[in-house]
PDB file of N, CA and C in Angstrom:
ATOM      1  N   UNK A   1     102.897 115.237 121.645  1.00  0.00           N
ATOM      2  CA  UNK A   1     102.078 114.241 122.015  1.00  0.00           C
ATOM      3  C   UNK A   1     101.208 114.694 123.108  1.00  0.00           C
ATOM      4  N   UNK A   2      99.714 114.453 122.871  1.00  0.00           N
ATOM      5  CA  UNK A   2      99.361 114.511 124.034  1.00  0.00           C
ATOM      6  C   UNK A   2      99.097 112.793 125.162  1.00  0.00           C
ATOM      7  N   UNK A   3      98.768 113.410 126.418  1.00  0.00           N
ATOM      8  CA  UNK A   3      98.517 112.413 127.672  1.00  0.00           C
ATOM      9  C   UNK A   3      98.093 111.254 126.803  1.00  0.00           C
ATOM     10  N   UNK A   4      96.729 111.545 126.177  1.00  0.00           N
ATOM     11  CA  UNK A   4      96.296 110.249 125.933  1.00  0.00           C
ATOM     12  C   UNK A   4      96.893 109.654 124.638  1.00  0.00           C
ATOM     13  N   UNK A   5      97.456 110.126 124.013  1.00  0.00           N
ATOM     14  CA  UNK A   5      98.329 109.678 122.550  1.00  0.00           C
ATOM     15  C   UNK A   5      99.345 108.869 123.415  1.00  0.00           C
ATOM     16  N   UNK A   6     100.338 109.415 124.509  1.00  0.00           N
ATOM     17  CA  UNK A   6     101.359 108.886 125.120  1.00  0.00           C
ATOM     18  C   UNK A   6     100.762 107.396 125.632  1.00  0.00           C
ATOM     19  N   UNK A   7      99.438 107.241 126.434  1.00  0.00           N
ATOM     20  CA  UNK A   7      98.912 106.012 126.906  1.00  0.00           C
ATOM     21  C   UNK A   7      98.647 104.992 125.752  1.00  0.00           C
ATOM     22  N   UNK A   8      98.139 105.805 124.400  1.00  0.00           N
ATOM     23  CA  UNK A   8      97.665 104.586 123.448  1.00  0.00           C
ATOM     24  C   UNK A   8      98.898 103.923 122.889  1.00  0.00           C
ATOM     25  N   UNK A   9     100.059 104.870 122.671  1.00  0.00           N
ATOM     26  CA  UNK A   9     101.234 104.542 121.878  1.00  0.00           C
ATOM     27  C   UNK A   9     102.388 104.065 122.971  1.00  0.00           C
ATOM     28  N   UNK A  10     102.113 103.890 124.331  1.00  0.00           N
ATOM     29  CA  UNK A  10     103.018 103.325 125.169  1.00  0.00           C
ATOM     30  C   UNK A  10     104.170 104.284 125.638  1.00  0.00           C
ATOM     31  N   UNK A  11     104.206 105.746 125.056  1.00  0.00           N
ATOM     32  CA  UNK A  11     105.260 106.301 124.898  1.00  0.00           C
ATOM     33  C   UNK A  11     106.068 106.442 123.719  1.00  0.00           C
ATOM     34  N   UNK A  12     105.884 105.783 122.727  1.00  0.00           N
ATOM     35  CA  UNK A  12     106.308 105.622 121.509  1.00  0.00           C
ATOM     36  C   UNK A  12     105.678 106.863 120.645  1.00  0.00           C
ATOM     37  N   UNK A  13     106.768 107.279 120.065  1.00  0.00           N
ATOM     38  CA  UNK A  13     106.442 108.310 119.147  1.00  0.00           C
ATOM     39  C   UNK A  13     105.968 107.755 117.729  1.00  0.00           C
ATOM     40  N   UNK A  14     105.078 108.233 117.433  1.00  0.00           N
ATOM     41  CA  UNK A  14     104.652 107.806 115.832  1.00  0.00           C
ATOM     42  C   UNK A  14     105.305 108.534 114.672  1.00  0.00           C
ATOM     43  N   UNK A  15     105.614 107.574 113.600  1.00  0.00           N
ATOM     44  CA  UNK A  15     106.197 108.117 112.412  1.00  0.00           C
ATOM     45  C   UNK A  15     104.837 109.476 111.836  1.00  0.00           C
ATOM     46  N   UNK A  16     105.944 110.309 111.325  1.00  0.00           N
ATOM     47  CA  UNK A  16     105.320 111.557 110.741  1.00  0.00           C
ATOM     48  C   UNK A  16     104.369 111.022 109.494  1.00  0.00           C
ATOM     49  N   UNK A  17     104.822 109.573 108.872  1.00  0.00           N
ATOM     50  CA  UNK A  17     103.797 109.205 107.926  1.00  0.00           C
ATOM     51  C   UNK A  17     102.616 108.445 108.453  1.00  0.00           C
ATOM     52  N   UNK A  18     102.438 108.324 109.798  1.00  0.00           N
ATOM     53  CA  UNK A  18     101.364 107.243 110.250  1.00  0.00           C
ATOM     54  C   UNK A  18      99.937 107.822 109.822  1.00  0.00           C
ATOM     55  N   UNK A  19      99.704 109.343 109.737  1.00  0.00           N
ATOM     56  CA  UNK A  19      98.414 109.939 109.605  1.00  0.00           C
ATOM     57  C   UNK A  19      97.916 109.666 108.133  1.00  0.00           C
ATOM     58  N   UNK A  20      98.876 109.565 107.373  1.00  0.00           N
ATOM     59  CA  UNK A  20      98.473 109.302 105.497  1.00  0.00           C
ATOM     60  C   UNK A  20      98.546 107.916 105.411  1.00  0.00           C
ATOM     61  N   UNK A  21      99.009 107.160 105.921  1.00  0.00           N
ATOM     62  CA  UNK A  21      99.043 105.659 105.779  1.00  0.00           C
ATOM     63  C   UNK A  21      97.544 105.152 106.703  1.00  0.00           C
ATOM     64  N   UNK A  22      97.301 105.631 107.661  1.00  0.00           N
ATOM     65  CA  UNK A  22      96.223 105.729 108.336  1.00  0.00           C
ATOM     66  C   UNK A  22      95.079 106.050 107.398  1.00  0.00           C
ATOM     67  N   UNK A  23      95.161 106.990 106.763  1.00  0.00           N
ATOM     68  CA  UNK A  23      94.044 107.593 106.248  1.00  0.00           C
ATOM     69  C   UNK A  23      93.547 106.439 104.634  1.00  0.00           C
ATOM     70  N   UNK A  24      94.932 106.458 103.997  1.00  0.00           N
ATOM     71  CA  UNK A  24      94.949 105.411 103.220  1.00  0.00           C
ATOM     72  C   UNK A  24      94.693 104.105 103.191  1.00  0.00           C
ATOM     73  N   UNK A  25      94.751 103.713 104.341  1.00  0.00           N
ATOM     74  CA  UNK A  25      94.430 102.122 104.841  1.00  0.00           C
ATOM     75  C   UNK A  25      92.864 102.403 105.281  1.00  0.00           C
ATOM     76  N   UNK A  26      92.262 103.138 105.562  1.00  0.00           N
ATOM     77  CA  UNK A  26      90.797 103.557 106.118  1.00  0.00           C
ATOM     78  C   UNK A  26      90.257 103.345 104.482  1.00  0.00           C
ATOM     79  N   UNK A  27      90.756 104.034 103.488  1.00  0.00           N
ATOM     80  CA  UNK A  27      89.650 104.109 102.512  1.00  0.00           C
ATOM     81  C   UNK A  27      89.933 102.727 101.757  1.00  0.00           C
ATOM     82  N   UNK A  28      91.071 101.885 101.722  1.00  0.00           N
ATOM     83  CA  UNK A  28      91.173 100.414 101.228  1.00  0.00           C
ATOM     84  C   UNK A  28      90.090  99.763 102.132  1.00  0.00           C
ATOM     85  N   UNK A  29      90.180  99.600 103.091  1.00  0.00           N
ATOM     86  CA  UNK A  29      89.330  98.962 104.057  1.00  0.00           C
ATOM     87  C   UNK A  29      88.489  99.485 105.178  1.00  0.00           C
ATOM     88  N   UNK A  30      87.094 100.250 104.319  1.00  0.00           N
ATOM     89  CA  UNK A  30      86.465 101.076 105.156  1.00  0.00           C
ATOM     90  C   UNK A  30      85.577 100.342 106.391  1.00  0.00           C
ATOM     91  N   UNK A  31      85.374  99.155 106.385  1.00  0.00           N
ATOM     92  CA  UNK A  31      84.502  98.211 106.827  1.00  0.00           C
ATOM     93  C   UNK A  31      85.036  97.521 108.276  1.00  0.00           C
ATOM     94  N   UNK A  32      84.679  97.480 109.746  1.00  0.00           N
ATOM     95  CA  UNK A  32      85.481  96.812 110.325  1.00  0.00           C
ATOM     96  C   UNK A  32      85.611  95.164 109.827  1.00  0.00           C
ATOM     97  N   UNK A  33      86.417  94.611 110.323  1.00  0.00           N
ATOM     98  CA  UNK A  33      86.858  93.167 109.533  1.00  0.00           C
ATOM     99  C   UNK A  33      86.088  92.115 110.596  1.00  0.00           C
ATOM    100  N   UNK A  34      85.229  92.760 111.778  1.00  0.00           N
ATOM    101  CA  UNK A  34      84.589  91.697 112.064  1.00  0.00           C
ATOM    102  C   UNK A  34      83.296  91.759 111.993  1.00  0.00           C
ATOM    103  N   UNK A  35      82.412  92.919 111.981  1.00  0.00           N
ATOM    104  CA  UNK A  35      81.067  93.055 111.853  1.00  0.00           C
ATOM    105  C   UNK A  35      80.893  94.108 110.611  1.00  0.00           C
ATOM    106  N   UNK A  36      81.477  94.441 109.788  1.00  0.00           N
ATOM    107  CA  UNK A  36      81.149  94.937 109.108  1.00  0.00           C
ATOM    108  C   UNK A  36      80.820  96.851 108.689  1.00  0.00           C
ATOM    109  N   UNK A  37      80.901  96.814 110.352  1.00  0.00           N
ATOM    110  CA  UNK A  37      80.588  98.171 110.710  1.00  0.00           C
ATOM    111  C   UNK A  37      81.311  99.341 110.446  1.00  0.00           C
ATOM    112  N   UNK A  38      80.835 100.608 110.238  1.00  0.00           N
ATOM    113  CA  UNK A  38      81.503 101.745 109.885  1.00  0.00           C
ATOM    114  C   UNK A  38      81.753 102.667 110.888  1.00  0.00           C
ATOM    115  N   UNK A  39      81.088 102.599 111.953  1.00  0.00           N
ATOM    116  CA  UNK A  39      81.199 103.648 113.258  1.00  0.00           C
ATOM    117  C   UNK A  39      82.517 103.502 113.644  1.00  0.00           C
ATOM    118  N   UNK A  40      82.986 104.603 114.444  1.00  0.00           N
ATOM    119  CA  UNK A  40      84.348 104.599 115.218  1.00  0.00           C
ATOM    120  C   UNK A  40      85.460 103.359 114.678  1.00  0.00           C
ATOM    121  N   UNK A  41      85.670 103.762 113.668  1.00  0.00           N
ATOM    122  CA  UNK A  41      86.973 102.889 113.453  1.00  0.00           C
ATOM    123  C   UNK A  41      88.154 102.961 113.670  1.00  0.00           C
ATOM    124  N   UNK A  42      88.922 101.752 114.189  1.00  0.00           N
ATOM    125  CA  UNK A  42      90.287 102.198 114.652  1.00  0.00           C
ATOM    126  C   UNK A  42      91.310 101.400 113.140  1.00  0.00           C
ATOM    127  N   UNK A  43      92.464 101.674 113.187  1.00  0.00           N
ATOM    128  CA  UNK A  43      93.395 101.300 112.313  1.00  0.00           C
ATOM    129  C   UNK A  43      94.207 100.557 113.622  1.00  0.00           C
ATOM    130  N   UNK A  44      94.206  99.040 113.463  1.00  0.00           N
ATOM    131  CA  UNK A  44      94.981  98.468 114.551  1.00  0.00           C
ATOM    132  C   UNK A  44      95.810  98.223 114.381  1.00  0.00           C
ATOM    133  N   UNK A  45      96.707  97.963 115.073  1.00  0.00           N
ATOM    134  CA  UNK A  45      98.350  97.362 114.565  1.00  0.00           C
ATOM    135  C   UNK A  45      98.528  95.996 115.181  1.00  0.00           C
ATOM    136  N   UNK A  46      98.176  94.894 114.517  1.00  0.00           N
ATOM    137  CA  UNK A  46      98.245  93.618 114.641  1.00  0.00           C
ATOM    138  C   UNK A  46      99.290  93.156 115.735  1.00  0.00           C
ATOM    139  N   UNK A  47     100.655  93.619 115.470  1.00  0.00           N
ATOM    140  CA  UNK A  47     101.632  93.539 116.349  1.00  0.00           C
ATOM    141  C   UNK A  47     102.048  95.155 116.744  1.00  0.00           C
ATOM    142  N   UNK A  48     101.901  95.445 118.100  1.00  0.00           N
ATOM    143  CA  UNK A  48     101.883  96.729 118.626  1.00  0.00           C
ATOM    144  C   UNK A  48     103.176  97.258 118.210  1.00  0.00           C
ATOM    145  N   UNK A  49     102.774  98.643 117.572  1.00  0.00           N
ATOM    146  CA  UNK A  49     104.179  99.272 116.525  1.00  0.00           C
ATOM    147  C   UNK A  49     105.433  99.557 118.075  1.00  0.00           C
ATOM    148  N   UNK A  50     104.800  99.899 119.053  1.00  0.00           N
ATOM    149  CA  UNK A  50     105.796  99.866 120.381  1.00  0.00           C
ATOM    150  C   UNK A  50     106.688  98.553 120.412  1.00  0.00           C
ATOM    151  N   UNK A  51     106.258  97.704 120.240  1.00  0.00           N
ATOM    152  CA  UNK A  51     107.093  96.046 119.804  1.00  0.00           C
ATOM    153  C   UNK A  51     107.998  95.911 118.702  1.00  0.00           C
ATOM    154  N   UNK A  52     107.422  96.465 117.588  1.00  0.00           N
ATOM    155  CA  UNK A  52     107.816  96.398 116.524  1.00  0.00           C
ATOM    156  C   UNK A  52     107.997  97.725 115.759  1.00  0.00           C
ATOM    157  N   UNK A  53     108.461  98.472 116.288  1.00  0.00           N
ATOM    158  CA  UNK A  53     108.266  99.772 115.280  1.00  0.00           C
ATOM    159  C   UNK A  53     108.542  99.925 113.581  1.00  0.00           C
ATOM    160  N   UNK A  54     109.334  99.066 113.212  1.00  0.00           N
ATOM    161  CA  UNK A  54     109.468  98.751 112.012  1.00  0.00           C
ATOM    162  C   UNK A  54     108.157  98.502 111.176  1.00  0.00           C
ATOM    163  N   UNK A  55     107.099  97.673 112.186  1.00  0.00           N
ATOM    164  CA  UNK A  55     105.857  97.596 111.484  1.00  0.00           C
ATOM    165  C   UNK A  55     104.670  98.601 111.541  1.00  0.00           C
ATOM    166  N   UNK A  56     105.197  99.721 112.265  1.00  0.00           N
ATOM    167  CA  UNK A  56     103.839 100.882 112.279  1.00  0.00           C
ATOM    168  C   UNK A  56     103.411 100.705 110.832  1.00  0.00           C
ATOM    169  N   UNK A  57     104.170 100.988 109.880  1.00  0.00           N
ATOM    170  CA  UNK A  57     103.537 101.415 108.654  1.00  0.00           C
ATOM    171  C   UNK A  57     103.199 100.500 107.929  1.00  0.00           C
ATOM    172  N   UNK A  58     103.439  99.133 107.864  1.00  0.00           N
ATOM    173  CA  UNK A  58     103.179  97.997 107.190  1.00  0.00           C
ATOM    174  C   UNK A  58     101.621  97.379 106.893  1.00  0.00           C
ATOM    175  N   UNK A  59     101.329  97.744 106.011  1.00  0.00           N
ATOM    176  CA  UNK A  59      99.982  97.793 106.030  1.00  0.00           C
ATOM    177  C   UNK A  59      99.352  96.019 105.995  1.00  0.00           C
ATOM    178  N   UNK A  60     100.464  95.381 106.015  1.00  0.00           N
ATOM    179  CA  UNK A  60     100.209  93.494 106.349  1.00  0.00           C
ATOM    180  C   UNK A  60     100.118  93.399 107.973  1.00  0.00           C
ATOM    181  N   UNK A  61     100.223  94.446 108.509  1.00  0.00           N
ATOM    182  CA  UNK A  61     100.382  94.191 109.989  1.00  0.00           C
ATOM    183  C   UNK A  61      99.144  95.274 110.467  1.00  0.00           C
ATOM    184  N   UNK A  62      98.329  95.647 109.507  1.00  0.00           N
ATOM    185  CA  UNK A  62      97.061  96.694 110.458  1.00  0.00           C
ATOM    186  C   UNK A  62      95.579  95.783 109.806  1.00  0.00           C
ATOM    187  N   UNK A  63      94.847  96.098 110.729  1.00  0.00           N
ATOM    188  CA  UNK A  63      93.525  95.669 110.296  1.00  0.00           C
ATOM    189  C   UNK A  63      92.395  96.930 111.168  1.00  0.00           C
ATOM    190  N   UNK A  64      91.068  96.910 110.211  1.00  0.00           N
ATOM    191  CA  UNK A  64      90.198  97.807 110.508  1.00  0.00           C
ATOM    192  C   UNK A  64      89.363  97.201 111.654  1.00  0.00           C
ATOM    193  N   UNK A  65      89.415  98.005 112.765  1.00  0.00           N
ATOM    194  CA  UNK A  65      88.406  97.259 113.898  1.00  0.00           C
ATOM    195  C   UNK A  65      87.429  98.111 114.338  1.00  0.00           C
ATOM    196  N   UNK A  66      85.975  98.353 114.962  1.00  0.00           N
ATOM    197  CA  UNK A  66      85.452  99.400 115.390  1.00  0.00           C
ATOM    198  C   UNK A  66      85.213  99.057 116.608  1.00  0.00           C
ATOM    199  N   UNK A  67      84.429 100.472 117.061  1.00  0.00           N
ATOM    200  CA  UNK A  67      84.432 100.401 118.865  1.00  0.00           C
ATOM    201  C   UNK A  67      82.791 100.919 118.497  1.00  0.00           C
ATOM    202  N   UNK A  68      81.967 100.971 117.800  1.00  0.00           N
ATOM    203  CA  UNK A  68      81.117 101.795 117.546  1.00  0.00           C
ATOM    204  C   UNK A  68      79.522 101.110 117.618  1.00  0.00           C
ATOM    205  N   UNK A  69      79.638  99.677 118.236  1.00  0.00           N
ATOM    206  CA  UNK A  69      78.110  99.492 118.582  1.00  0.00           C
ATOM    207  C   UNK A  69      77.888  98.991 119.759  1.00  0.00           C
ATOM    208  N   UNK A  70      77.156  98.289 120.367  1.00  0.00           N
ATOM    209  CA  UNK A  70      76.672  97.814 121.823  1.00  0.00           C
ATOM    210  C   UNK A  70      76.816  96.468 122.037  1.00  0.00           C
ATOM    211  N   UNK A  71      76.577  95.584 120.947  1.00  0.00           N
ATOM    212  CA  UNK A  71      76.886  94.391 121.107  1.00  0.00           C
ATOM    213  C   UNK A  71      78.515  93.917 121.390  1.00  0.00           C
ATOM    214  N   UNK A  72      79.348  94.630 120.838  1.00  0.00           N
ATOM    215  CA  UNK A  72      80.709  93.993 120.892  1.00  0.00           C
ATOM    216  C   UNK A  72      81.411  94.813 120.522  1.00  0.00           C
ATOM    217  N   UNK A  73      82.562  95.150 121.255  1.00  0.00           N
ATOM    218  CA  UNK A  73      83.816  96.222 120.572  1.00  0.00           C
ATOM    219  C   UNK A  73      84.923  95.236 120.166  1.00  0.00           C
ATOM    220  N   UNK A  74      84.524  95.490 118.803  1.00  0.00           N
ATOM    221  CA  UNK A  74      85.335  94.632 117.784  1.00  0.00           C
ATOM    222  C   UNK A  74      86.960  94.910 118.418  1.00  0.00           C
ATOM    223  N   UNK A  75      87.450  95.927 118.311  1.00  0.00           N
ATOM    224  CA  UNK A  75      88.680  96.523 118.869  1.00  0.00           C
ATOM    225  C   UNK A  75      89.365  95.814 119.877  1.00  0.00           C
ATOM    226  N   UNK A  76      88.520  95.982 121.122  1.00  0.00           N
ATOM    227  CA  UNK A  76      88.833  95.490 122.623  1.00  0.00           C
ATOM    228  C   UNK A  76      88.894  93.888 122.270  1.00  0.00           C
ATOM    229  N   UNK A  77      87.691  93.318 121.704  1.00  0.00           N
ATOM    230  CA  UNK A  77      87.662  91.696 121.613  1.00  0.00           C
ATOM    231  C   UNK A  77      88.720  91.131 120.743  1.00  0.00           C
ATOM    232  N   UNK A  78      88.479  91.539 119.704  1.00  0.00           N
ATOM    233  CA  UNK A  78      89.483  90.822 118.716  1.00  0.00           C
ATOM    234  C   UNK A  78      90.870  91.419 118.432  1.00  0.00           C
ATOM    235  N   UNK A  79      91.175  92.384 118.517  1.00  0.00           N
ATOM    236  CA  UNK A  79      92.607  93.124 118.692  1.00  0.00           C
ATOM    237  C   UNK A  79      93.352  93.308 119.791  1.00  0.00           C
ATOM    238  N   UNK A  80      92.472  92.840 120.942  1.00  0.00           N
ATOM    239  CA  UNK A  80      93.489  92.933 122.244  1.00  0.00           C
ATOM    240  C   UNK A  80      92.820  91.718 123.333  1.00  0.00           C
ATOM    241  N   UNK A  81      91.699  91.035 122.934  1.00  0.00           N
ATOM    242  CA  UNK A  81      91.302  89.764 123.530  1.00  0.00           C
ATOM    243  C   UNK A  81      91.006  90.424 125.237  1.00  0.00           C
ATOM    244  N   UNK A  82      90.095  91.304 124.954  1.00  0.00           N
ATOM    245  CA  UNK A  82      89.337  91.866 125.958  1.00  0.00           C
ATOM    246  C   UNK A  82      90.318  92.901 127.182  1.00  0.00           C
ATOM    247  N   UNK A  83      91.623  92.897 126.650  1.00  0.00           N
ATOM    248  CA  UNK A  83      92.440  93.548 127.674  1.00  0.00           C
ATOM    249  C   UNK A  83      93.634  94.672 127.040  1.00  0.00           C
ATOM    250  N   UNK A  84      93.075  95.986 126.693  1.00  0.00           N
ATOM    251  CA  UNK A  84      94.114  96.716 126.035  1.00  0.00           C
ATOM    252  C   UNK A  84      95.566  96.997 126.418  1.00  0.00           C
ATOM    253  N   UNK A  85      95.651  96.054 127.237  1.00  0.00           N
ATOM    254  CA  UNK A  85      97.289  95.866 127.598  1.00  0.00           C
ATOM    255  C   UNK A  85      97.927  94.613 126.894  1.00  0.00           C
ATOM    256  N   UNK A  86      96.929  93.926 126.049  1.00  0.00           N
ATOM    257  CA  UNK A  86      97.550  92.701 125.508  1.00  0.00           C
ATOM    258  C   UNK A  86      97.098  93.098 124.047  1.00  0.00           C
ATOM    259  N   UNK A  87      97.727  91.839 123.353  1.00  0.00           N
ATOM    260  CA  UNK A  87      97.203  92.059 122.129  1.00  0.00           C
ATOM    261  C   UNK A  87      97.296  90.758 121.339  1.00  0.00           C
ATOM    262  N   UNK A  88      96.598  90.542 120.229  1.00  0.00           N
ATOM    263  CA  UNK A  88      96.022  89.429 119.344  1.00  0.00           C
ATOM    264  C   UNK A  88      96.702  89.208 118.321  1.00  0.00           C
ATOM    265  N   UNK A  89      98.256  88.488 118.265  1.00  0.00           N
ATOM    266  CA  UNK A  89      98.348  88.468 116.911  1.00  0.00           C
ATOM    267  C   UNK A  89      97.923  87.741 115.523  1.00  0.00           C
ATOM    268  N   UNK A  90      96.815  87.085 116.296  1.00  0.00           N
ATOM    269  CA  UNK A  90      96.034  86.214 114.947  1.00  0.00           C
ATOM    270  C   UNK A  90      94.756  86.909 114.937  1.00  0.00           C
ATOM    271  N   UNK A  91      94.995  88.306 115.254  1.00  0.00           N
ATOM    272  CA  UNK A  91      93.390  88.969 114.667  1.00  0.00           C
ATOM    273  C   UNK A  91      92.840  88.975 113.704  1.00  0.00           C
ATOM    274  N   UNK A  92      93.392  88.609 112.326  1.00  0.00           N
ATOM    275  CA  UNK A  92      92.872  88.474 111.006  1.00  0.00           C
ATOM    276  C   UNK A  92      92.307  87.177 111.581  1.00  0.00           C
ATOM    277  N   UNK A  93      92.711  86.321 111.818  1.00  0.00           N
ATOM    278  CA  UNK A  93      92.093  84.610 111.966  1.00  0.00           C
ATOM    279  C   UNK A  93      90.832  85.039 112.781  1.00  0.00           C
ATOM    280  N   UNK A  94      90.784  85.456 113.979  1.00  0.00           N
ATOM    281  CA  UNK A  94      89.928  85.987 115.070  1.00  0.00           C
ATOM    282  C   UNK A  94      88.712  86.382 114.612  1.00  0.00           C
ATOM    283  N   UNK A  95      89.059  87.728 113.641  1.00  0.00           N
ATOM    284  CA  UNK A  95      88.070  88.330 112.271  1.00  0.00           C
ATOM    285  C   UNK A  95      87.105  87.084 111.776  1.00  0.00           C
ATOM    286  N   UNK A  96      88.005  86.546 111.042  1.00  0.00           N
ATOM    287  CA  UNK A  96      87.532  85.874 110.091  1.00  0.00           C
ATOM    288  C   UNK A  96      86.357  84.445 110.942  1.00  0.00           C
ATOM    289  N   UNK A  97      86.825  84.219 112.229  1.00  0.00           N
ATOM    290  CA  UNK A  97      86.409  83.164 112.901  1.00  0.00           C
ATOM    291  C   UNK A  97      84.570  84.203 113.107  1.00  0.00           C
ATOM    292  N   UNK A  98      84.842  85.521 113.643  1.00  0.00           N
ATOM    293  CA  UNK A  98      83.465  85.701 114.268  1.00  0.00           C
ATOM    294  C   UNK A  98      82.706  86.107 113.176  1.00  0.00           C
ATOM    295  N   UNK A  99      83.651  86.528 111.742  1.00  0.00           N
ATOM    296  CA  UNK A  99      82.664  86.630 110.623  1.00  0.00           C
ATOM    297  C   UNK A  99      81.562  85.474 110.298  1.00  0.00           C
ATOM    298  N   UNK A 100      82.477  84.630 110.475  1.00  0.00           N
ATOM    299  CA  UNK A 100      81.830  83.169 110.302  1.00  0.00           C
ATOM    300  C   UNK A 100      80.574  82.589 111.071  1.00  0.00           C
ATOM    301  N   UNK A 101      81.263  82.797 112.248  1.00  0.00           N
ATOM    302  CA  UNK A 101      79.976  82.965 113.297  1.00  0.00           C
ATOM    303  C   UNK A 101      78.950  83.823 112.739  1.00  0.00           C
ATOM    304  N   UNK A 102      78.890  84.745 112.729  1.00  0.00           N
ATOM    305  CA  UNK A 102      77.582  85.234 112.482  1.00  0.00           C
ATOM    306  C   UNK A 102      76.925  85.150 111.151  1.00  0.00           C
ATOM    307  N   UNK A 103      77.665  84.911 110.327  1.00  0.00           N
ATOM    308  CA  UNK A 103      76.987  83.909 109.176  1.00  0.00           C
ATOM    309  C   UNK A 103      76.186  82.986 109.439  1.00  0.00           C
ATOM    310  N   UNK A 104      76.713  81.855 110.449  1.00  0.00           N
ATOM    311  CA  UNK A 104      76.207  80.905 110.745  1.00  0.00           C
ATOM    312  C   UNK A 104      74.918  80.961 111.707  1.00  0.00           C
ATOM    313  N   UNK A 105      74.817  82.073 112.250  1.00  0.00           N
ATOM    314  CA  UNK A 105      73.818  82.386 113.101  1.00  0.00           C
ATOM    315  C   UNK A 105      72.566  83.128 112.008  1.00  0.00           C
ATOM    316  N   UNK A 106      73.015  83.718 111.217  1.00  0.00           N
ATOM    317  CA  UNK A 106      72.157  83.931 110.339  1.00  0.00           C
ATOM    318  C   UNK A 106      71.266  82.886 109.648  1.00  0.00           C
ATOM    319  N   UNK A 107      72.268  82.157 108.987  1.00  0.00           N
ATOM    320  CA  UNK A 107      71.649  80.918 108.368  1.00  0.00           C
ATOM    321  C   UNK A 107      70.741  79.661 109.499  1.00  0.00           C
ATOM    322  N   UNK A 108      70.844  80.044 110.646  1.00  0.00           N
ATOM    323  CA  UNK A 108      70.354  79.311 111.693  1.00  0.00           C
ATOM    324  C   UNK A 108      68.830  79.854 111.640  1.00  0.00           C
ATOM    325  N   UNK A 109      68.834  81.248 112.097  1.00  0.00           N
ATOM    326  CA  UNK A 109      67.536  81.618 111.896  1.00  0.00           C
ATOM    327  C   UNK A 109      66.774  81.677 110.496  1.00  0.00           C
ATOM    328  N   UNK A 110      67.243  81.596 109.573  1.00  0.00           N
ATOM    329  CA  UNK A 110      66.695  81.054 108.519  1.00  0.00           C
ATOM    330  C   UNK A 110      66.022  80.062 108.619  1.00  0.00           C
ATOM    331  N   UNK A 111      66.832  79.183 108.618  1.00  0.00           N
ATOM    332  CA  UNK A 111      66.316  77.359 108.852  1.00  0.00           C
ATOM    333  C   UNK A 111      64.968  77.403 109.764  1.00  0.00           C
ATOM    334  N   UNK A 112      65.499  78.363 111.125  1.00  0.00           N
ATOM    335  CA  UNK A 112      64.118  77.940 111.950  1.00  0.00           C
ATOM    336  C   UNK A 112      62.787  78.665 111.663  1.00  0.00           C
ATOM    337  N   UNK A 113      63.049  79.767 110.671  1.00  0.00           N
ATOM    338  CA  UNK A 113      62.068  80.419 110.218  1.00  0.00           C
ATOM    339  C   UNK A 113      61.066  79.632 109.429  1.00  0.00           C
ATOM    340  N   UNK A 114      61.797  78.706 108.663  1.00  0.00           N
ATOM    341  CA  UNK A 114      61.561  78.081 107.621  1.00  0.00           C
ATOM    342  C   UNK A 114      60.048  77.341 108.178  1.00  0.00           C
TER     343      UNK A 114
END
């Protein structure tokens, strides 16, 4: 385990199955759950696996979030509430809310242009 992986996993060793679960999850969920982006995707554990190792491979505990654009780091904001030391147990609801806001903003633009 590299030093970067140790920091990212809080020193907890990943399951040998993680890489294949991550790959399969990204194939099924290839877009950020917030913005729909496809760059710099992370498969984020809603409940960190170092806190609940039994949920590491549970797809119900995963969400695709990106770090790929300037406007918002979806992984940091939605997955961690602006602090990588924290986590958001409501990441799916938060992602849905941000998606809804984006739709509203687009509809407001259309109305203003009309």
